[in-house]
Protein backbone atom coordinates (compact mmCIF):
# COMPACT_ATOMS: atom_id res chain seq x y z
CA UNK A 1 0.00 0.00 0.00
CA UNK A 2 1.30 3.46 -0.89
CA UNK A 3 1.35 6.21 1.71
CA UNK A 4 0.56 9.45 -0.09
CA UNK A 5 1.17 11.57 3.01
CA UNK A 6 4.93 11.33 3.07
CA UNK A 7 7.90 11.97 0.88
CA UNK A 8 9.16 8.40 0.91
CA UNK A 9 11.33 9.08 3.94
CA UNK A 10 8.77 8.09 6.56
CA UNK A 11 7.67 11.64 7.36
CA UNK A 12 4.56 13.43 6.26
CA UNK A 13 4.43 17.22 5.75
CA UNK A 14 3.27 17.91 9.31
CA UNK A 15 6.09 15.84 10.81
CA UNK A 16 8.70 17.55 8.62
CA UNK A 17 7.34 21.00 9.56
CA UNK A 18 7.46 20.13 13.28
CA UNK A 19 11.02 18.85 12.93
CA UNK A 20 12.14 22.08 11.20
CA UNK A 21 10.42 24.20 13.86
CA UNK A 22 12.19 22.26 16.59
CA UNK A 23 15.62 23.17 15.22
CA UNK A 24 14.83 26.78 14.26
CA UNK A 25 12.81 27.91 17.28
CA UNK A 26 14.33 28.90 20.57
CA UNK A 27 13.46 30.33 23.97
CA UNK A 28 13.29 34.13 23.75
CA UNK A 29 13.55 34.69 27.52
CA UNK A 30 16.67 32.52 27.71
CA UNK A 31 17.97 34.30 24.61
CA UNK A 32 17.60 37.64 26.37
CA UNK A 33 19.58 36.36 29.35
CA UNK A 34 22.28 35.06 27.00
CA UNK A 35 22.31 38.38 25.12
CA UNK A 36 22.79 40.32 28.35
CA UNK A 37 25.60 37.97 29.46
CA UNK A 38 27.38 37.46 26.13
CA UNK A 39 26.55 40.37 23.83
CA UNK A 40 25.49 43.48 25.77
CA UNK A 41 29.08 44.51 26.46
CA UNK A 42 29.39 45.53 22.80
CA UNK A 43 25.80 45.57 21.53
CA UNK A 44 22.71 47.36 22.75
CA UNK A 45 19.29 45.80 23.07
CA UNK A 46 18.60 47.75 19.87
CA UNK A 47 19.49 44.59 17.96
CA UNK A 48 16.09 43.17 18.88
CA UNK A 49 13.96 42.95 15.78
CA UNK A 50 16.95 42.58 13.46
CA UNK A 51 15.59 39.22 12.25
CA UNK A 52 14.37 39.49 8.65
CA UNK A 53 16.03 42.86 8.03
CA UNK A 54 18.79 43.42 5.48
CA UNK A 55 22.29 42.71 6.75
CA UNK A 56 24.34 45.85 7.51
CA UNK A 57 21.28 48.08 7.56
CA UNK A 58 21.08 49.25 11.18
CA UNK A 59 21.06 53.05 11.22
CA UNK A 60 23.83 54.29 13.51
CA UNK A 61 26.00 51.17 13.42
CA UNK A 62 29.27 51.00 11.53
CA UNK A 63 29.75 47.85 9.49
CA UNK A 64 32.87 46.19 8.20
CA UNK A 65 33.21 45.41 4.51
CA UNK A 66 32.54 41.72 5.26
CA UNK A 67 29.02 42.52 6.41
CA UNK A 68 28.49 45.26 3.82
CA UNK A 69 29.19 42.69 1.07
CA UNK A 70 26.14 40.81 2.34
CA UNK A 71 23.86 43.87 2.40
CA UNK A 72 21.62 42.36 -0.31
CA UNK A 73 20.86 39.43 2.04
CA UNK A 74 18.62 39.38 5.09
CA UNK A 75 19.19 38.24 8.64
CA UNK A 76 17.40 34.91 8.24
CA UNK A 77 17.67 32.08 10.74
CA UNK A 78 20.34 30.47 8.56
CA UNK A 79 22.41 33.67 8.23
CA UNK A 80 22.19 34.56 11.92
CA UNK A 81 23.04 30.99 12.88
CA UNK A 82 26.07 30.93 10.56
CA UNK A 83 27.26 34.35 11.76
CA UNK A 84 26.92 33.54 15.46
CA UNK A 85 28.58 30.12 14.99
CA UNK A 86 31.60 31.42 13.03
CA UNK A 87 31.64 35.22 12.56
CA UNK A 88 34.92 35.34 10.60
CA UNK A 89 33.78 32.62 8.20
CA UNK A 90 30.53 34.48 7.58
CA UNK A 91 31.82 38.04 7.33
CA UNK A 92 35.61 37.96 7.00
CA UNK A 93 36.79 41.14 8.68
CA UNK A 94 34.01 41.44 11.25
CA UNK A 95 34.96 42.97 14.58
CA UNK A 96 33.09 40.10 16.24
CA UNK A 97 35.62 37.53 15.08
CA UNK A 98 36.82 36.38 18.49
CA UNK A 99 33.31 35.81 19.81
CA UNK A 100 31.54 32.70 18.54
CA UNK A 101 28.49 30.96 19.96
CA UNK A 102 29.39 27.29 19.58
CA UNK A 103 26.32 25.82 21.31
CA UNK A 104 23.43 25.34 18.85
CA UNK A 105 20.74 25.77 21.53
CA UNK A 106 22.33 29.04 22.67
CA UNK A 107 22.29 30.27 19.05
CA UNK A 108 18.62 29.29 18.60
CA UNK A 109 17.67 31.09 21.81
CA UNK A 110 19.63 34.21 20.87
CA UNK A 111 18.03 34.24 17.41
CA UNK A 112 14.56 33.85 18.95
CA UNK A 113 15.32 36.86 21.16
CA UNK A 114 16.47 38.88 18.13
CA UNK A 115 13.18 38.16 16.33
CA UNK A 116 11.05 40.29 18.65
């Protein structure tokens, strides 16, 4: 019997959507605590709401050429995750090069905080 509700990999659309949400959704309150502990020394809470906006587009901020080269892109989950995981790989000459968020859950929670 053929199952028309899956893609041949044992997961239907609802299961795939739930799986994606589980790896791209974080805890905003925990993200705020992480932001205050890890990021607030250099960044203001003004970064909230950056999610979905063009990269290197925040008014009064100065951006390195590595981020300016990505100005046609947006701060999606994938871009924020890549930047937080390995800033130098993502943006070359970024001033944030020495600070990387290695823990995937920490990155998800920070990104969730930056969405609102």
